[in-house]
Structures are given as structure tokens and as C-alpha cells.
């Protein structure tokens, strides 16, 4: 049984920063990533990182503001969010996959999901 547990969400003012964490347990996960879903919108890709951290991908909307990293010893992935905007407000979901490389940017490309953590950016 695979579990992904996110933490670090909350309320922040526009221009501020937050760091999300996602810990995986149950079996070794390889590629890991983050998606988000705002009310009334579809779940969208945010960022992803390969097993060896040699490959990362970001949505255009977060490039230059968000970074993704991982600690394989802890089976944990992090999303550092800076210069936050009101449009970043959403539930953020951690995703994981059995492949070593980022499997894609569509939700259906990923095998496992966390329960989500709310990020609210006030303007």
C-alpha cells in the first residue's frame, strides 16, 4: 500500500513563500511531482522531478518562482514556492510514479496521489 502525505500548505500573502513537502511510504517511488486544482478548474501540472534529480519540469506559470527537490533517503519531495500570486491558490496534490523519469504532465500519467493540501494566497 502506497501512501503520499503532503504538508506545508496554508495561508500566505501575495509575494510570500511556502514550502510543501510530500513523504512517500509503502514502497520506493521514483518520479515524483506536484499538481494543483483550483475550484471549478481541472487538475493541472505544476512541477516534477526524476528519481536521480537530474531532470525537472515546470509549468510555464510557475517557472522562475517554484523549485522542486527531493531527498531519496527520506523518500520525500519538496516544492518551494516563492513570489506567490493569488492565482496560485489551489489544493496542491503530490503525485508519484514507478518510472525513474517524469512520466508526463497529465494526471493520468501518474500512479499514486496524496490527499492534497490547501494553499491560499491573499492579495
N, C-alpha and C. Protein backbone atom coordinates (compact mmCIF):
# COMPACT_ATOMS: atom_id res chain seq x y z
N UNK A 1 0.84 -1.19 0.00
CA UNK A 1 0.00 0.00 0.00
C UNK A 1 0.88 1.24 0.00
N UNK A 2 0.69 2.10 -0.99
CA UNK A 2 1.48 3.32 -1.10
C UNK A 2 0.69 4.47 -0.50
N UNK A 3 1.38 5.27 0.28
CA UNK A 3 0.75 6.47 0.83
C UNK A 3 1.63 7.68 0.55
N UNK A 4 1.00 8.75 0.13
CA UNK A 4 1.68 10.03 -0.06
C UNK A 4 1.01 11.02 0.88
N UNK A 5 1.81 11.65 1.72
CA UNK A 5 1.27 12.58 2.70
C UNK A 5 1.90 13.94 2.49
N UNK A 6 1.06 14.91 2.13
CA UNK A 6 1.53 16.28 1.92
C UNK A 6 1.45 17.08 3.21
N UNK A 7 2.29 18.09 3.30
CA UNK A 7 2.24 19.02 4.42
C UNK A 7 2.82 20.35 3.97
N UNK A 8 2.55 21.39 4.75
CA UNK A 8 3.15 22.68 4.47
C UNK A 8 2.22 23.71 3.85
N UNK A 9 1.01 23.32 3.54
CA UNK A 9 0.08 24.28 2.97
C UNK A 9 -0.36 25.30 4.00
N UNK A 10 -1.06 26.34 3.54
CA UNK A 10 -1.55 27.35 4.46
C UNK A 10 -1.92 28.63 3.75
N UNK A 11 -2.07 29.68 4.55
CA UNK A 11 -2.44 30.99 4.05
C UNK A 11 -1.20 31.88 4.02
N UNK A 12 -0.99 32.55 2.90
CA UNK A 12 0.18 33.42 2.75
C UNK A 12 -0.23 34.64 1.93
N UNK A 13 0.43 35.74 2.18
CA UNK A 13 0.16 36.95 1.41
C UNK A 13 0.84 36.88 0.05
N UNK A 14 0.28 37.58 -0.89
CA UNK A 14 0.89 37.65 -2.21
C UNK A 14 2.33 38.16 -2.09
N UNK A 15 3.21 37.52 -2.83
CA UNK A 15 4.62 37.85 -2.75
C UNK A 15 5.39 37.01 -1.76
N UNK A 16 4.68 36.27 -0.94
CA UNK A 16 5.31 35.44 0.08
C UNK A 16 5.75 34.09 -0.45
N UNK A 17 6.20 33.24 0.49
CA UNK A 17 6.73 31.93 0.13
C UNK A 17 6.13 30.85 1.02
N UNK A 18 6.11 29.65 0.48
CA UNK A 18 5.71 28.46 1.23
C UNK A 18 6.52 27.29 0.70
N UNK A 19 6.75 26.30 1.56
CA UNK A 19 7.38 25.07 1.11
C UNK A 19 6.46 23.90 1.43
N UNK A 20 6.10 23.17 0.40
CA UNK A 20 5.30 21.96 0.56
C UNK A 20 6.23 20.75 0.62
N UNK A 21 5.81 19.77 1.41
CA UNK A 21 6.55 18.50 1.50
C UNK A 21 5.60 17.36 1.20
N UNK A 22 6.14 16.29 0.66
CA UNK A 22 5.36 15.09 0.40
C UNK A 22 6.22 13.90 0.74
N UNK A 23 5.78 13.12 1.71
CA UNK A 23 6.50 11.93 2.12
C UNK A 23 5.79 10.70 1.59
N UNK A 24 6.56 9.83 0.95
CA UNK A 24 6.01 8.60 0.39
C UNK A 24 6.38 7.42 1.28
N UNK A 25 5.44 6.53 1.47
CA UNK A 25 5.71 5.32 2.26
C UNK A 25 5.03 4.13 1.59
N UNK A 26 5.48 2.97 1.92
CA UNK A 26 4.88 1.76 1.38
C UNK A 26 5.77 1.04 0.40
N UNK A 27 6.35 1.76 -0.51
CA UNK A 27 7.32 1.20 -1.43
C UNK A 27 8.08 2.36 -2.05
N UNK A 28 9.21 2.06 -2.64
CA UNK A 28 10.01 3.12 -3.22
C UNK A 28 9.33 3.72 -4.44
N UNK A 29 9.20 5.01 -4.41
CA UNK A 29 8.68 5.73 -5.55
C UNK A 29 9.84 6.32 -6.34
N UNK A 30 9.66 6.48 -7.58
CA UNK A 30 10.70 7.03 -8.43
C UNK A 30 10.39 8.47 -8.80
N UNK A 31 9.81 8.72 -9.94
CA UNK A 31 9.46 10.09 -10.27
C UNK A 31 8.39 10.61 -9.31
N UNK A 32 8.53 11.87 -8.94
CA UNK A 32 7.53 12.49 -8.06
C UNK A 32 7.20 13.88 -8.58
N UNK A 33 6.03 14.34 -8.27
CA UNK A 33 5.62 15.62 -8.82
C UNK A 33 4.51 16.27 -8.03
N UNK A 34 4.13 17.43 -8.50
CA UNK A 34 3.05 18.21 -7.89
C UNK A 34 2.06 18.68 -8.95
N UNK A 35 0.80 18.59 -8.60
CA UNK A 35 -0.29 19.13 -9.40
C UNK A 35 -1.09 20.06 -8.49
N UNK A 36 -1.97 20.83 -9.08
CA UNK A 36 -2.86 21.66 -8.27
C UNK A 36 -4.22 21.76 -8.95
N UNK A 37 -5.22 22.04 -8.12
CA UNK A 37 -6.57 22.16 -8.63
C UNK A 37 -7.28 23.28 -7.90
N UNK A 38 -7.67 24.28 -8.66
CA UNK A 38 -8.44 25.40 -8.12
C UNK A 38 -9.93 25.09 -8.27
N UNK A 39 -10.77 25.72 -7.48
CA UNK A 39 -12.22 25.46 -7.56
C UNK A 39 -12.75 25.68 -8.96
N UNK A 40 -13.48 24.71 -9.45
CA UNK A 40 -14.09 24.83 -10.77
C UNK A 40 -13.14 24.59 -11.93
N UNK A 41 -11.90 24.23 -11.63
CA UNK A 41 -10.93 24.01 -12.70
C UNK A 41 -10.41 22.58 -12.67
N UNK A 42 -9.80 22.17 -13.76
CA UNK A 42 -9.22 20.84 -13.82
C UNK A 42 -7.88 20.81 -13.08
N UNK A 43 -7.50 19.62 -12.68
CA UNK A 43 -6.20 19.46 -12.06
C UNK A 43 -5.11 19.73 -13.10
N UNK A 44 -4.11 20.53 -12.70
CA UNK A 44 -3.07 20.90 -13.65
C UNK A 44 -1.68 20.61 -13.08
N UNK A 45 -0.80 20.34 -13.99
CA UNK A 45 0.59 20.04 -13.66
C UNK A 45 1.29 21.29 -13.12
N UNK A 46 2.12 21.09 -12.11
CA UNK A 46 2.92 22.19 -11.56
C UNK A 46 4.42 21.93 -11.77
N UNK A 47 4.90 20.80 -11.25
CA UNK A 47 6.33 20.50 -11.34
C UNK A 47 6.54 19.02 -11.10
N UNK A 48 7.68 18.52 -11.58
CA UNK A 48 8.03 17.12 -11.36
C UNK A 48 9.53 16.95 -11.39
N UNK A 49 9.99 15.85 -10.78
CA UNK A 49 11.42 15.59 -10.67
C UNK A 49 11.66 14.10 -10.84
N UNK A 50 12.72 13.76 -11.54
CA UNK A 50 13.06 12.37 -11.75
C UNK A 50 13.69 11.77 -10.50
N UNK A 51 13.88 10.47 -10.51
CA UNK A 51 14.44 9.77 -9.36
C UNK A 51 15.81 10.30 -8.97
N UNK A 52 16.66 10.55 -9.94
CA UNK A 52 18.03 10.99 -9.65
C UNK A 52 18.16 12.51 -9.57
N UNK A 53 17.05 13.21 -9.69
CA UNK A 53 17.03 14.68 -9.64
C UNK A 53 17.74 15.33 -10.81
N UNK A 54 18.07 14.56 -11.84
CA UNK A 54 18.77 15.15 -12.98
C UNK A 54 17.81 15.74 -14.01
N UNK A 55 16.53 15.55 -13.77
CA UNK A 55 15.53 16.10 -14.69
C UNK A 55 14.38 16.69 -13.90
N UNK A 56 14.05 17.92 -14.21
CA UNK A 56 12.90 18.57 -13.61
C UNK A 56 12.07 19.23 -14.70
N UNK A 57 10.80 19.35 -14.43
CA UNK A 57 9.89 20.02 -15.35
C UNK A 57 9.00 20.96 -14.55
N UNK A 58 8.66 22.07 -15.16
CA UNK A 58 7.79 23.05 -14.51
C UNK A 58 6.74 23.54 -15.50
N UNK A 59 5.58 23.85 -14.96
CA UNK A 59 4.59 24.53 -15.77
C UNK A 59 5.08 25.95 -16.05
N UNK A 60 4.72 26.48 -17.20
CA UNK A 60 5.16 27.83 -17.56
C UNK A 60 4.74 28.85 -16.52
N UNK A 61 3.59 28.63 -15.92
CA UNK A 61 3.04 29.60 -14.97
C UNK A 61 3.84 29.71 -13.67
N UNK A 62 4.70 28.72 -13.40
CA UNK A 62 5.47 28.76 -12.15
C UNK A 62 6.98 28.82 -12.36
N UNK A 63 7.42 28.77 -13.61
CA UNK A 63 8.86 28.82 -13.89
C UNK A 63 9.47 30.10 -13.33
N UNK A 64 10.60 29.92 -12.67
CA UNK A 64 11.30 31.06 -12.08
C UNK A 64 10.80 31.41 -10.69
N UNK A 65 9.67 30.83 -10.28
CA UNK A 65 9.13 31.12 -8.95
C UNK A 65 9.13 29.88 -8.05
N UNK A 66 8.94 28.72 -8.63
CA UNK A 66 8.88 27.47 -7.86
C UNK A 66 10.12 26.63 -8.17
N UNK A 67 10.57 25.91 -7.17
CA UNK A 67 11.60 24.91 -7.37
C UNK A 67 11.15 23.59 -6.75
N UNK A 68 11.65 22.50 -7.30
CA UNK A 68 11.33 21.18 -6.77
C UNK A 68 12.61 20.45 -6.44
N UNK A 69 12.59 19.72 -5.35
CA UNK A 69 13.77 18.96 -4.95
C UNK A 69 13.30 17.71 -4.21
N UNK A 70 14.23 16.81 -3.95
CA UNK A 70 13.87 15.58 -3.25
C UNK A 70 15.01 15.08 -2.40
N UNK A 71 14.64 14.30 -1.41
CA UNK A 71 15.60 13.63 -0.54
C UNK A 71 15.23 12.15 -0.58
N UNK A 72 15.97 11.39 -1.35
CA UNK A 72 15.62 9.97 -1.53
C UNK A 72 15.80 9.16 -0.26
N UNK A 73 16.70 9.58 0.60
CA UNK A 73 16.88 8.87 1.86
C UNK A 73 15.61 8.95 2.72
N UNK A 74 14.89 10.04 2.54
CA UNK A 74 13.64 10.23 3.28
C UNK A 74 12.41 9.96 2.42
N UNK A 75 12.62 9.60 1.16
CA UNK A 75 11.53 9.37 0.22
C UNK A 75 10.56 10.55 0.23
N UNK A 76 11.12 11.74 0.16
CA UNK A 76 10.34 12.97 0.29
C UNK A 76 10.67 13.92 -0.84
N UNK A 77 9.64 14.58 -1.34
CA UNK A 77 9.82 15.61 -2.35
C UNK A 77 9.31 16.93 -1.79
N UNK A 78 9.96 18.01 -2.22
CA UNK A 78 9.63 19.34 -1.73
C UNK A 78 9.28 20.25 -2.89
N UNK A 79 8.36 21.17 -2.64
CA UNK A 79 8.04 22.21 -3.61
C UNK A 79 8.20 23.55 -2.90
N UNK A 80 9.24 24.27 -3.27
CA UNK A 80 9.48 25.60 -2.72
C UNK A 80 8.79 26.62 -3.62
N UNK A 81 7.86 27.34 -3.05
CA UNK A 81 7.07 28.31 -3.82
C UNK A 81 7.40 29.72 -3.34
N UNK A 82 7.79 30.57 -4.27
CA UNK A 82 8.14 31.94 -3.94
C UNK A 82 7.37 32.89 -4.85
N UNK A 83 7.37 34.16 -4.46
CA UNK A 83 6.66 35.18 -5.24
C UNK A 83 5.24 34.73 -5.55
N UNK A 84 4.57 34.24 -4.54
CA UNK A 84 3.25 33.66 -4.74
C UNK A 84 2.24 34.71 -5.18
N UNK A 85 1.33 34.27 -6.03
CA UNK A 85 0.28 35.14 -6.58
C UNK A 85 -1.08 34.57 -6.18
N UNK A 86 -2.09 35.39 -6.28
CA UNK A 86 -3.44 34.92 -5.92
C UNK A 86 -3.87 33.76 -6.80
N UNK A 87 -3.39 33.75 -8.04
CA UNK A 87 -3.76 32.66 -8.95
C UNK A 87 -3.08 31.34 -8.62
N UNK A 88 -2.17 31.35 -7.67
CA UNK A 88 -1.58 30.10 -7.19
C UNK A 88 -2.46 29.41 -6.16
N UNK A 89 -3.52 30.07 -5.74
CA UNK A 89 -4.43 29.48 -4.77
C UNK A 89 -5.07 28.23 -5.34
N UNK A 90 -4.93 27.12 -4.62
CA UNK A 90 -5.45 25.83 -5.09
C UNK A 90 -5.17 24.77 -4.04
N UNK A 91 -5.74 23.61 -4.25
CA UNK A 91 -5.32 22.44 -3.50
C UNK A 91 -4.16 21.82 -4.26
N UNK A 92 -3.06 21.60 -3.58
CA UNK A 92 -1.87 21.04 -4.20
C UNK A 92 -1.77 19.56 -3.87
N UNK A 93 -1.59 18.76 -4.91
CA UNK A 93 -1.52 17.31 -4.77
C UNK A 93 -0.14 16.79 -5.13
N UNK A 94 0.37 15.91 -4.32
CA UNK A 94 1.60 15.21 -4.61
C UNK A 94 1.27 13.98 -5.46
N UNK A 95 2.13 13.68 -6.40
CA UNK A 95 1.95 12.51 -7.26
C UNK A 95 3.26 11.74 -7.33
N UNK A 96 3.14 10.43 -7.54
CA UNK A 96 4.32 9.59 -7.65
C UNK A 96 4.11 8.52 -8.71
N UNK A 97 5.20 8.03 -9.23
CA UNK A 97 5.13 7.05 -10.30
C UNK A 97 6.28 6.06 -10.17
N UNK A 98 6.11 4.87 -10.75
CA UNK A 98 7.14 3.84 -10.65
C UNK A 98 8.28 4.04 -11.62
N UNK A 99 8.15 4.92 -12.58
CA UNK A 99 9.23 5.13 -13.55
C UNK A 99 10.28 6.06 -12.97
N UNK A 100 11.51 5.92 -13.42
CA UNK A 100 12.60 6.77 -12.92
C UNK A 100 12.54 8.17 -13.50
N UNK A 101 11.92 8.30 -14.67
CA UNK A 101 11.85 9.59 -15.32
C UNK A 101 10.43 10.13 -15.24
N UNK A 102 10.30 11.44 -15.37
CA UNK A 102 8.99 12.06 -15.29
C UNK A 102 8.08 11.45 -16.36
N UNK A 103 6.97 10.86 -15.97
CA UNK A 103 6.14 10.12 -16.92
C UNK A 103 5.30 11.01 -17.82
N UNK A 104 5.10 12.25 -17.44
CA UNK A 104 4.27 13.14 -18.23
C UNK A 104 3.66 14.22 -17.37
N UNK A 105 2.90 15.07 -18.00
CA UNK A 105 2.30 16.20 -17.29
C UNK A 105 0.79 16.09 -17.17
N UNK A 106 0.26 14.95 -17.56
CA UNK A 106 -1.18 14.75 -17.42
C UNK A 106 -1.43 13.97 -16.14
N UNK A 107 -2.49 14.23 -15.43
CA UNK A 107 -2.77 13.46 -14.21
C UNK A 107 -2.81 11.96 -14.46
N UNK A 108 -3.32 11.52 -15.59
CA UNK A 108 -3.44 10.09 -15.86
C UNK A 108 -2.07 9.43 -16.07
N UNK A 109 -1.03 10.21 -16.23
CA UNK A 109 0.32 9.65 -16.39
C UNK A 109 0.90 9.14 -15.08
N UNK A 110 0.30 9.51 -13.95
CA UNK A 110 0.86 9.23 -12.64
C UNK A 110 0.06 8.15 -11.92
N UNK A 111 0.78 7.35 -11.11
CA UNK A 111 0.17 6.18 -10.48
C UNK A 111 -0.48 6.46 -9.13
N UNK A 112 0.12 7.31 -8.33
CA UNK A 112 -0.33 7.49 -6.94
C UNK A 112 -0.50 8.96 -6.62
N UNK A 113 -1.44 9.20 -5.70
CA UNK A 113 -1.78 10.57 -5.34
C UNK A 113 -1.91 10.73 -3.83
N UNK A 114 -1.53 11.93 -3.35
CA UNK A 114 -1.80 12.28 -1.97
C UNK A 114 -3.20 12.86 -1.82
N UNK A 115 -3.54 13.23 -0.59
CA UNK A 115 -4.88 13.72 -0.32
C UNK A 115 -5.03 15.20 -0.61
N UNK A 116 -3.92 15.90 -0.78
CA UNK A 116 -3.95 17.31 -1.11
C UNK A 116 -3.77 18.21 0.10
N UNK A 117 -3.20 19.38 -0.14
CA UNK A 117 -3.04 20.39 0.90
C UNK A 117 -3.41 21.75 0.31
N UNK A 118 -4.16 22.51 1.06
CA UNK A 118 -4.66 23.79 0.57
C UNK A 118 -3.59 24.88 0.66
N UNK A 119 -3.45 25.61 -0.41
CA UNK A 119 -2.60 26.80 -0.44
C UNK A 119 -3.48 27.97 -0.83
N UNK A 120 -3.53 28.97 0.03
CA UNK A 120 -4.35 30.16 -0.22
C UNK A 120 -3.44 31.38 -0.20
N UNK A 121 -3.45 32.13 -1.28
CA UNK A 121 -2.64 33.33 -1.40
C UNK A 121 -3.58 34.53 -1.39
N UNK A 122 -3.43 35.37 -0.39
CA UNK A 122 -4.29 36.54 -0.28
C UNK A 122 -3.63 37.73 -0.96
N UNK A 123 -4.43 38.50 -1.66
CA UNK A 123 -3.88 39.66 -2.39
C UNK A 123 -4.07 40.94 -1.59
